[in-house]
Protein backbone atom coordinates (compact mmCIF):
# COMPACT_ATOMS: atom_id res chain seq x y z
CA MET A 1 -58.41 -95.71 -3.95
CA SER A 2 -60.74 -93.63 -1.79
CA ASP A 3 -59.66 -90.44 -0.05
CA ASN A 4 -59.91 -92.16 3.35
CA ALA A 5 -57.65 -95.06 2.33
CA SER A 6 -54.89 -92.75 1.12
CA ALA A 7 -54.83 -90.55 4.23
CA ALA A 8 -51.50 -90.57 6.08
CA VAL A 9 -53.22 -90.01 9.45
CA GLY A 10 -55.90 -92.27 10.84
CA ARG A 11 -59.26 -90.98 11.83
CA LYS A 12 -61.31 -91.66 14.95
CA ASN A 13 -64.77 -90.18 15.44
CA ASP A 14 -64.66 -89.60 19.19
CA ALA A 15 -65.50 -85.92 19.46
CA GLY A 16 -67.82 -85.33 22.40
CA LYS A 17 -67.13 -88.74 23.97
CA ARG A 18 -65.94 -89.13 27.53
CA GLN A 19 -62.20 -88.81 28.04
CA TRP A 20 -61.33 -91.54 30.53
CA ARG A 21 -57.66 -90.68 30.27
CA LEU A 22 -58.36 -87.56 32.32
CA LEU A 23 -58.85 -89.61 35.49
CA PRO A 24 -55.97 -89.20 37.97
CA TRP A 25 -55.00 -92.88 38.06
CA ALA A 26 -52.74 -92.67 41.12
CA ALA A 27 -55.67 -91.27 43.13
CA VAL A 28 -58.04 -93.88 41.68
CA ASP A 29 -55.54 -96.56 42.73
CA GLN A 30 -55.70 -95.28 46.34
CA ILE A 31 -59.50 -95.46 46.30
CA VAL A 32 -59.39 -98.99 44.85
CA GLY A 33 -57.01 -99.90 47.69
CA VAL A 34 -59.60 -98.69 50.22
CA LEU A 35 -62.31 -100.67 48.40
CA THR A 36 -60.15 -103.81 48.44
CA GLU A 37 -59.46 -103.52 52.18
CA GLY A 38 -63.17 -102.94 52.80
CA ALA A 39 -64.04 -106.06 50.81
CA ARG A 40 -61.54 -108.06 52.90
CA LYS A 41 -62.79 -106.69 56.21
CA TYR A 42 -66.53 -106.83 55.51
CA ALA A 43 -67.44 -108.46 52.17
CA PRO A 44 -67.36 -107.39 48.52
CA ASP A 45 -70.12 -104.84 47.89
CA ASN A 46 -71.09 -104.80 51.58
CA TRP A 47 -71.23 -101.01 51.28
CA ARG A 48 -74.44 -101.38 49.25
CA LYS A 49 -76.22 -102.98 52.21
CA VAL A 50 -75.48 -100.39 54.92
CA PRO A 51 -78.66 -98.99 56.46
CA ASP A 52 -79.02 -95.19 56.55
CA TRP A 53 -76.28 -95.03 53.92
CA ARG A 54 -76.89 -91.37 53.10
CA GLY A 55 -76.13 -90.09 56.60
CA ARG A 56 -73.46 -92.64 57.46
CA TYR A 57 -71.31 -92.23 54.33
CA PHE A 58 -71.71 -88.45 54.49
CA ASP A 59 -70.52 -88.49 58.12
CA ALA A 60 -67.63 -90.83 57.27
CA ALA A 61 -66.50 -88.65 54.36
CA LEU A 62 -66.49 -85.57 56.60
CA ARG A 63 -64.61 -87.41 59.38
CA HIS A 64 -61.86 -88.32 56.89
CA LEU A 65 -61.78 -84.81 55.44
CA ALA A 66 -61.56 -83.31 58.94
CA ALA A 67 -58.71 -85.67 59.87
CA TRP A 68 -56.87 -84.68 56.69
CA GLN A 69 -57.53 -80.98 57.39
CA ARG A 70 -56.03 -81.39 60.89
CA GLY A 71 -52.83 -82.70 59.26
CA GLU A 72 -53.31 -86.47 59.57
CA ALA A 73 -52.37 -87.68 56.10
CA ASN A 74 -53.27 -91.37 56.35
CA ASP A 75 -55.94 -93.38 58.12
CA PRO A 76 -54.14 -95.26 60.91
CA GLU A 77 -56.09 -98.52 60.43
CA TRP A 78 -55.34 -99.19 56.75
CA GLY A 79 -52.63 -96.68 55.91
CA TYR A 80 -54.41 -95.15 52.93
CA SER A 81 -54.87 -91.41 52.58
CA HIS A 82 -57.84 -89.93 54.40
CA LEU A 83 -58.65 -88.31 51.06
CA ALA A 84 -58.88 -91.78 49.46
CA HIS A 85 -61.31 -92.84 52.21
CA ALA A 86 -63.36 -89.66 51.71
CA GLY A 87 -63.32 -90.21 47.94
CA CYS A 88 -64.55 -93.75 48.48
CA CYS A 89 -67.42 -92.48 50.64
CA VAL A 90 -68.38 -89.91 48.00
CA LEU A 91 -68.34 -92.65 45.33
CA PHE A 92 -70.63 -94.74 47.52
CA LEU A 93 -73.02 -91.81 47.91
CA LEU A 94 -73.08 -91.18 44.18
CA ALA A 95 -73.45 -94.87 43.29
CA LEU A 96 -76.28 -95.37 45.77
CA GLU A 97 -78.03 -92.21 44.62
CA LEU A 98 -77.82 -93.36 40.98
CA ASP A 99 -78.90 -96.91 41.83
CA PRO A 100 -80.69 -96.83 45.21
CA PRO A 101 -80.97 -100.08 47.15
CA GLU A 102 -84.35 -101.67 47.66
CA PRO A 103 -85.88 -100.36 50.86
CA PRO A 104 -85.85 -102.92 53.66
CA PRO A 105 -89.15 -104.60 54.38
CA PRO A 106 -91.14 -102.98 57.18
CA PRO A 107 -90.70 -104.59 60.59
CA ALA A 108 -93.16 -107.31 61.34
CA ALA A 109 -96.10 -106.14 63.37
CA ALA A 110 -96.22 -107.37 66.94
CA PRO A 111 -98.69 -110.19 67.30
CA VAL A 112 -102.01 -109.13 68.74
CA PRO A 113 -102.85 -111.21 71.80
CA PRO A 114 -106.14 -113.01 71.59
CA GLU A 115 -109.05 -111.73 73.59
CA PRO A 116 -109.49 -113.64 76.83
CA ALA A 117 -112.21 -116.22 76.78
CA PRO A 118 -115.47 -115.23 78.49
CA GLY A 119 -115.12 -115.70 82.21
CA TRP A 120 -111.31 -115.29 82.17
CA ASP A 121 -109.21 -112.14 82.62
CA ALA A 122 -106.16 -111.14 80.52
CA ASP A 123 -103.78 -112.91 82.94
CA GLY A 124 -105.53 -116.23 82.37
CA ARG A 125 -107.23 -116.33 85.74
CA GLY A 126 -110.83 -117.21 86.08
CA ALA A 127 -113.17 -114.37 86.86
CA GLN A 128 -113.70 -113.92 90.58
């Protein structure tokens, strides 16, 4: 029998690996609640399609933090903690920074009007 087979305690080589158990699961549950309500109201993953996401999610996170700082514990619309909403916004910012969306296509150029035919002005009237 090898030394490993006779050991009374099992062995797991996980030194240096991420410790997922450190996540505060009650707080994560609140953030998932905000995500779920957002998916119902808008669409799943709609947050990935918001234009000017950097400024808008930053502003939203600060609005929720300011409301919490003023003593308003929960967002009145959905009932979740303002901190959960702010956490959600920060997750969006991090996710979009790590995996940025494709930039939208440039706006189509305005059509260039054709030159008026010789003898006609731009309003379509014959030359006087």
